[in-house]
Each structure stands twice: as C-alpha cells, then as structure tokens.
PDB file of N, CA and C in Angstrom:
ATOM      1  N   UNK A   1      94.767 112.785 103.265  1.00  0.00           N
ATOM      2  CA  UNK A   1      94.551 111.866 102.698  1.00  0.00           C
ATOM      3  C   UNK A   1      96.637 111.743 102.140  1.00  0.00           C
ATOM      4  N   UNK A   2      97.798 110.377 102.277  1.00  0.00           N
ATOM      5  CA  UNK A   2      98.484 110.031 102.146  1.00  0.00           C
ATOM      6  C   UNK A   2      98.999 110.458 100.493  1.00  0.00           C
ATOM      7  N   UNK A   3     100.728 110.576 100.407  1.00  0.00           N
ATOM      8  CA  UNK A   3     101.242 110.673  99.532  1.00  0.00           C
ATOM      9  C   UNK A   3     102.262 109.973  99.251  1.00  0.00           C
ATOM     10  N   UNK A   4     101.835 109.088  98.795  1.00  0.00           N
ATOM     11  CA  UNK A   4     102.558 107.238  98.514  1.00  0.00           C
ATOM     12  C   UNK A   4     104.058 107.529  98.097  1.00  0.00           C
ATOM     13  N   UNK A   5     104.287 108.891  97.834  1.00  0.00           N
ATOM     14  CA  UNK A   5     105.389 109.158  97.661  1.00  0.00           C
ATOM     15  C   UNK A   5     106.962 109.455  99.018  1.00  0.00           C
ATOM     16  N   UNK A   6     105.850 109.892  99.679  1.00  0.00           N
ATOM     17  CA  UNK A   6     106.490 110.375 101.417  1.00  0.00           C
ATOM     18  C   UNK A   6     106.334 109.972 102.428  1.00  0.00           C
ATOM     19  N   UNK A   7     104.221 109.290 102.708  1.00  0.00           N
ATOM     20  CA  UNK A   7     104.362 109.251 103.905  1.00  0.00           C
ATOM     21  C   UNK A   7     103.486 107.387 103.928  1.00  0.00           C
ATOM     22  N   UNK A   8     104.046 106.954 104.973  1.00  0.00           N
ATOM     23  CA  UNK A   8     104.195 105.680 105.191  1.00  0.00           C
ATOM     24  C   UNK A   8     103.121 104.574 105.340  1.00  0.00           C
ATOM     25  N   UNK A   9     102.781 103.452 103.909  1.00  0.00           N
ATOM     26  CA  UNK A   9     101.479 103.423 104.011  1.00  0.00           C
ATOM     27  C   UNK A   9     101.156 102.416 105.014  1.00  0.00           C
ATOM     28  N   UNK A  10      99.493 102.670 105.282  1.00  0.00           N
ATOM     29  CA  UNK A  10      98.955 101.624 106.491  1.00  0.00           C
ATOM     30  C   UNK A  10      99.580  99.876 106.464  1.00  0.00           C
ATOM     31  N   UNK A  11      99.239  99.543 107.488  1.00  0.00           N
ATOM     32  CA  UNK A  11      99.784  98.276 107.525  1.00  0.00           C
ATOM     33  C   UNK A  11      98.755  97.763 106.994  1.00  0.00           C
ATOM     34  N   UNK A  12      97.273  97.408 108.009  1.00  0.00           N
ATOM     35  CA  UNK A  12      95.997  96.768 107.765  1.00  0.00           C
ATOM     36  C   UNK A  12      95.000  97.964 107.160  1.00  0.00           C
ATOM     37  N   UNK A  13      93.974  97.057 106.686  1.00  0.00           N
ATOM     38  CA  UNK A  13      92.742  97.898 106.478  1.00  0.00           C
ATOM     39  C   UNK A  13      91.372  97.328 106.836  1.00  0.00           C
ATOM     40  N   UNK A  14      90.246  98.096 107.338  1.00  0.00           N
ATOM     41  CA  UNK A  14      89.745  97.820 108.505  1.00  0.00           C
ATOM     42  C   UNK A  14      87.917  97.555 107.320  1.00  0.00           C
ATOM     43  N   UNK A  15      87.992  96.152 108.076  1.00  0.00           N
ATOM     44  CA  UNK A  15      87.235  95.466 107.272  1.00  0.00           C
ATOM     45  C   UNK A  15      85.507  95.237 108.490  1.00  0.00           C
ATOM     46  N   UNK A  16      84.712  95.532 108.038  1.00  0.00           N
ATOM     47  CA  UNK A  16      83.467  95.136 109.392  1.00  0.00           C
ATOM     48  C   UNK A  16      84.150  94.999 110.477  1.00  0.00           C
ATOM     49  N   UNK A  17      84.745  96.365 110.605  1.00  0.00           N
ATOM     50  CA  UNK A  17      85.733  96.984 112.118  1.00  0.00           C
ATOM     51  C   UNK A  17      86.681  95.396 112.613  1.00  0.00           C
ATOM     52  N   UNK A  18      86.887  94.366 111.372  1.00  0.00           N
ATOM     53  CA  UNK A  18      88.404  94.439 112.139  1.00  0.00           C
ATOM     54  C   UNK A  18      89.434  94.491 110.864  1.00  0.00           C
ATOM     55  N   UNK A  19      90.588  94.413 111.272  1.00  0.00           N
ATOM     56  CA  UNK A  19      91.520  94.794 111.224  1.00  0.00           C
ATOM     57  C   UNK A  19      92.733  94.179 109.721  1.00  0.00           C
ATOM     58  N   UNK A  20      92.973  93.438 109.087  1.00  0.00           N
ATOM     59  CA  UNK A  20      93.531  92.770 108.262  1.00  0.00           C
ATOM     60  C   UNK A  20      94.996  93.377 108.021  1.00  0.00           C
ATOM     61  N   UNK A  21      96.017  92.216 107.858  1.00  0.00           N
ATOM     62  CA  UNK A  21      97.496  92.956 107.878  1.00  0.00           C
ATOM     63  C   UNK A  21      97.481  92.949 106.043  1.00  0.00           C
ATOM     64  N   UNK A  22      97.969  94.054 105.954  1.00  0.00           N
ATOM     65  CA  UNK A  22      98.534  94.233 103.876  1.00  0.00           C
ATOM     66  C   UNK A  22      99.788  93.750 104.094  1.00  0.00           C
ATOM     67  N   UNK A  23      99.982  93.529 102.133  1.00  0.00           N
ATOM     68  CA  UNK A  23     100.837  93.669 101.767  1.00  0.00           C
ATOM     69  C   UNK A  23     101.096  94.642 100.559  1.00  0.00           C
ATOM     70  N   UNK A  24     101.714  96.246 101.658  1.00  0.00           N
ATOM     71  CA  UNK A  24     102.483  96.905 100.013  1.00  0.00           C
ATOM     72  C   UNK A  24     103.621  96.838 100.068  1.00  0.00           C
ATOM     73  N   UNK A  25     104.055  95.754  99.833  1.00  0.00           N
ATOM     74  CA  UNK A  25     106.137  96.234  99.434  1.00  0.00           C
ATOM     75  C   UNK A  25     105.597  95.928  98.611  1.00  0.00           C
ATOM     76  N   UNK A  26     107.146  96.479  97.345  1.00  0.00           N
ATOM     77  CA  UNK A  26     107.268  96.975  95.857  1.00  0.00           C
ATOM     78  C   UNK A  26     107.056  95.394  95.578  1.00  0.00           C
ATOM     79  N   UNK A  27     107.848  94.207  96.246  1.00  0.00           N
ATOM     80  CA  UNK A  27     107.687  93.370  95.667  1.00  0.00           C
ATOM     81  C   UNK A  27     106.314  92.476  95.616  1.00  0.00           C
ATOM     82  N   UNK A  28     105.339  92.471  96.124  1.00  0.00           N
ATOM     83  CA  UNK A  28     104.323  92.693  96.098  1.00  0.00           C
ATOM     84  C   UNK A  28     103.618  93.535  95.559  1.00  0.00           C
ATOM     85  N   UNK A  29     103.330  93.864  94.669  1.00  0.00           N
ATOM     86  CA  UNK A  29     103.039  95.110  94.349  1.00  0.00           C
ATOM     87  C   UNK A  29     103.378  94.499  92.769  1.00  0.00           C
ATOM     88  N   UNK A  30     105.081  94.647  92.449  1.00  0.00           N
ATOM     89  CA  UNK A  30     105.114  94.136  91.216  1.00  0.00           C
ATOM     90  C   UNK A  30     104.164  92.630  90.713  1.00  0.00           C
ATOM     91  N   UNK A  31     104.346  91.705  91.642  1.00  0.00           N
ATOM     92  CA  UNK A  31     103.960  90.172  91.606  1.00  0.00           C
ATOM     93  C   UNK A  31     102.110  91.296  91.717  1.00  0.00           C
ATOM     94  N   UNK A  32     101.747  91.457  91.773  1.00  0.00           N
ATOM     95  CA  UNK A  32      99.719  91.406  91.477  1.00  0.00           C
ATOM     96  C   UNK A  32     100.167  91.753  89.973  1.00  0.00           C
ATOM     97  N   UNK A  33     100.891  93.196  89.775  1.00  0.00           N
ATOM     98  CA  UNK A  33     100.766  94.066  88.071  1.00  0.00           C
ATOM     99  C   UNK A  33     101.340  92.998  87.308  1.00  0.00           C
ATOM    100  N   UNK A  34     101.848  91.536  87.518  1.00  0.00           N
ATOM    101  CA  UNK A  34     102.643  91.082  86.746  1.00  0.00           C
ATOM    102  C   UNK A  34     101.227  89.612  86.430  1.00  0.00           C
ATOM    103  N   UNK A  35     100.465  89.879  87.849  1.00  0.00           N
ATOM    104  CA  UNK A  35      98.829  88.078  87.590  1.00  0.00           C
ATOM    105  C   UNK A  35      98.287  89.568  86.327  1.00  0.00           C
ATOM    106  N   UNK A  36      98.064  90.891  87.030  1.00  0.00           N
ATOM    107  CA  UNK A  36      96.720  90.801  86.069  1.00  0.00           C
ATOM    108  C   UNK A  36      97.443  91.149  84.743  1.00  0.00           C
ATOM    109  N   UNK A  37      98.350  91.365  83.836  1.00  0.00           N
ATOM    110  CA  UNK A  37      98.530  90.847  82.357  1.00  0.00           C
ATOM    111  C   UNK A  37      99.330  89.273  81.742  1.00  0.00           C
ATOM    112  N   UNK A  38      98.591  88.527  83.257  1.00  0.00           N
ATOM    113  CA  UNK A  38      98.783  86.716  82.229  1.00  0.00           C
ATOM    114  C   UNK A  38      97.800  87.413  81.789  1.00  0.00           C
ATOM    115  N   UNK A  39      97.811  86.903  79.988  1.00  0.00           N
ATOM    116  CA  UNK A  39      96.331  87.487  79.334  1.00  0.00           C
ATOM    117  C   UNK A  39      95.361  85.437  79.798  1.00  0.00           C
ATOM    118  N   UNK A  40      95.868  84.638  79.268  1.00  0.00           N
ATOM    119  CA  UNK A  40      95.155  83.249  79.103  1.00  0.00           C
ATOM    120  C   UNK A  40      94.316  82.713  80.592  1.00  0.00           C
ATOM    121  N   UNK A  41      94.294  83.854  81.799  1.00  0.00           N
ATOM    122  CA  UNK A  41      93.470  83.615  82.997  1.00  0.00           C
ATOM    123  C   UNK A  41      92.086  84.638  83.217  1.00  0.00           C
ATOM    124  N   UNK A  42      91.341  83.792  83.572  1.00  0.00           N
ATOM    125  CA  UNK A  42      90.599  84.884  83.643  1.00  0.00           C
ATOM    126  C   UNK A  42      90.220  86.248  84.830  1.00  0.00           C
ATOM    127  N   UNK A  43      89.828  86.673  84.470  1.00  0.00           N
ATOM    128  CA  UNK A  43      89.306  88.021  85.100  1.00  0.00           C
ATOM    129  C   UNK A  43      89.573  87.531  87.028  1.00  0.00           C
ATOM    130  N   UNK A  44      87.932  86.806  86.702  1.00  0.00           N
ATOM    131  CA  UNK A  44      88.192  86.461  88.472  1.00  0.00           C
ATOM    132  C   UNK A  44      89.598  85.727  88.835  1.00  0.00           C
ATOM    133  N   UNK A  45      89.687  84.982  88.546  1.00  0.00           N
ATOM    134  CA  UNK A  45      91.481  83.706  88.801  1.00  0.00           C
ATOM    135  C   UNK A  45      92.594  84.999  88.993  1.00  0.00           C
ATOM    136  N   UNK A  46      92.683  86.190  87.930  1.00  0.00           N
ATOM    137  CA  UNK A  46      93.283  87.533  88.317  1.00  0.00           C
ATOM    138  C   UNK A  46      93.022  87.922  89.548  1.00  0.00           C
ATOM    139  N   UNK A  47      92.222  88.346  89.973  1.00  0.00           N
ATOM    140  CA  UNK A  47      91.438  88.889  91.217  1.00  0.00           C
ATOM    141  C   UNK A  47      91.610  88.115  91.961  1.00  0.00           C
ATOM    142  N   UNK A  48      91.838  86.500  92.816  1.00  0.00           N
ATOM    143  CA  UNK A  48      91.352  86.455  93.854  1.00  0.00           C
ATOM    144  C   UNK A  48      93.632  85.732  94.109  1.00  0.00           C
ATOM    145  N   UNK A  49      93.610  86.076  93.203  1.00  0.00           N
ATOM    146  CA  UNK A  49      95.534  86.035  93.524  1.00  0.00           C
ATOM    147  C   UNK A  49      96.302  86.966  93.764  1.00  0.00           C
ATOM    148  N   UNK A  50      95.099  88.009  92.422  1.00  0.00           N
ATOM    149  CA  UNK A  50      95.704  89.856  93.625  1.00  0.00           C
ATOM    150  C   UNK A  50      95.995  89.359  95.261  1.00  0.00           C
ATOM    151  N   UNK A  51      94.508  89.494  95.408  1.00  0.00           N
ATOM    152  CA  UNK A  51      93.640  89.776  96.621  1.00  0.00           C
ATOM    153  C   UNK A  51      94.782  88.997  97.472  1.00  0.00           C
ATOM    154  N   UNK A  52      95.234  87.091  97.303  1.00  0.00           N
ATOM    155  CA  UNK A  52      95.752  86.706  97.711  1.00  0.00           C
ATOM    156  C   UNK A  52      97.757  87.142  98.489  1.00  0.00           C
ATOM    157  N   UNK A  53      98.179  88.140  97.196  1.00  0.00           N
ATOM    158  CA  UNK A  53      99.052  88.939  97.569  1.00  0.00           C
ATOM    159  C   UNK A  53      99.111  89.452  98.103  1.00  0.00           C
ATOM    160  N   UNK A  54      98.276  90.472  97.949  1.00  0.00           N
ATOM    161  CA  UNK A  54      97.549  91.256  98.946  1.00  0.00           C
ATOM    162  C   UNK A  54      98.071  91.357 100.817  1.00  0.00           C
ATOM    163  N   UNK A  55      96.553  90.779 100.817  1.00  0.00           N
ATOM    164  CA  UNK A  55      97.027  90.370 102.192  1.00  0.00           C
ATOM    165  C   UNK A  55      96.993  89.031 103.254  1.00  0.00           C
ATOM    166  N   UNK A  56      98.148  88.705 102.256  1.00  0.00           N
ATOM    167  CA  UNK A  56      98.901  87.398 102.548  1.00  0.00           C
ATOM    168  C   UNK A  56      98.687  85.911 102.276  1.00  0.00           C
ATOM    169  N   UNK A  57      98.043  85.407 101.649  1.00  0.00           N
ATOM    170  CA  UNK A  57      96.746  84.568 101.484  1.00  0.00           C
ATOM    171  C   UNK A  57      95.993  84.663 102.756  1.00  0.00           C
ATOM    172  N   UNK A  58      95.064  85.810 103.310  1.00  0.00           N
ATOM    173  CA  UNK A  58      94.481  85.879 104.203  1.00  0.00           C
ATOM    174  C   UNK A  58      93.615  86.881 103.777  1.00  0.00           C
ATOM    175  N   UNK A  59      92.884  86.005 102.749  1.00  0.00           N
ATOM    176  CA  UNK A  59      91.895  87.176 102.100  1.00  0.00           C
ATOM    177  C   UNK A  59      90.950  87.059 103.362  1.00  0.00           C
ATOM    178  N   UNK A  60      89.718  88.131 103.123  1.00  0.00           N
ATOM    179  CA  UNK A  60      88.727  88.878 103.775  1.00  0.00           C
ATOM    180  C   UNK A  60      87.099  87.459 103.191  1.00  0.00           C
ATOM    181  N   UNK A  61      86.680  86.843 104.257  1.00  0.00           N
ATOM    182  CA  UNK A  61      85.710  86.207 103.517  1.00  0.00           C
ATOM    183  C   UNK A  61      84.835  87.453 102.713  1.00  0.00           C
ATOM    184  N   UNK A  62      84.158  88.686 102.588  1.00  0.00           N
ATOM    185  CA  UNK A  62      84.045  89.760 102.566  1.00  0.00           C
ATOM    186  C   UNK A  62      84.524  90.469 101.196  1.00  0.00           C
ATOM    187  N   UNK A  63      84.884  89.231  99.941  1.00  0.00           N
ATOM    188  CA  UNK A  63      85.672  89.698  99.485  1.00  0.00           C
ATOM    189  C   UNK A  63      85.044  90.827  98.919  1.00  0.00           C
ATOM    190  N   UNK A  64      84.374  91.265  97.295  1.00  0.00           N
ATOM    191  CA  UNK A  64      83.952  92.946  98.397  1.00  0.00           C
ATOM    192  C   UNK A  64      84.194  93.806  98.121  1.00  0.00           C
ATOM    193  N   UNK A  65      84.263  93.906 100.316  1.00  0.00           N
ATOM    194  CA  UNK A  65      84.329  94.965 100.966  1.00  0.00           C
ATOM    195  C   UNK A  65      86.502  94.395 100.664  1.00  0.00           C
ATOM    196  N   UNK A  66      87.177  93.657  99.746  1.00  0.00           N
ATOM    197  CA  UNK A  66      88.139  93.648 100.645  1.00  0.00           C
ATOM    198  C   UNK A  66      88.980  94.299  99.211  1.00  0.00           C
ATOM    199  N   UNK A  67      88.302  94.603  98.459  1.00  0.00           N
ATOM    200  CA  UNK A  67      88.602  95.170  97.311  1.00  0.00           C
ATOM    201  C   UNK A  67      88.834  96.048  97.369  1.00  0.00           C
TER     202      UNK A  67
END
C-alpha cells in the first residue's frame, strides 16, 4: 500500500495492459479540485476536465476504467 505522504506516487497507471502517464503534481490536483467545485457545470463536464488534467489531455478510451 502507498503512503501518499512519504512514498513516491506512480507515474503511470495500467488500463487493459497499457500504461498511461498521469499527472500527480500538486498544481494539477489543485486544478482538479477547483474544477470539481464549479457550480454551473454539469458533472460529466467536470469529470472530463479532471480526467484531462490527470491524464495530460490524453484520456484513455475506456473512461470508466480511467476513473
């Protein structure tokens, strides 16, 4: 199990046997949080914006697995 306070986070996630680079940076995660709390956006739009930040605009085709 990873301890996010002291262990290095992975640079990729595996989806259907393929590695996808991810952005774990502090600024990226702050942008995700900001996007999630915008009141006048639909939940689906928020989710896609967060996934685009997290996957550096290269979201896997299987969005459910990407979450």
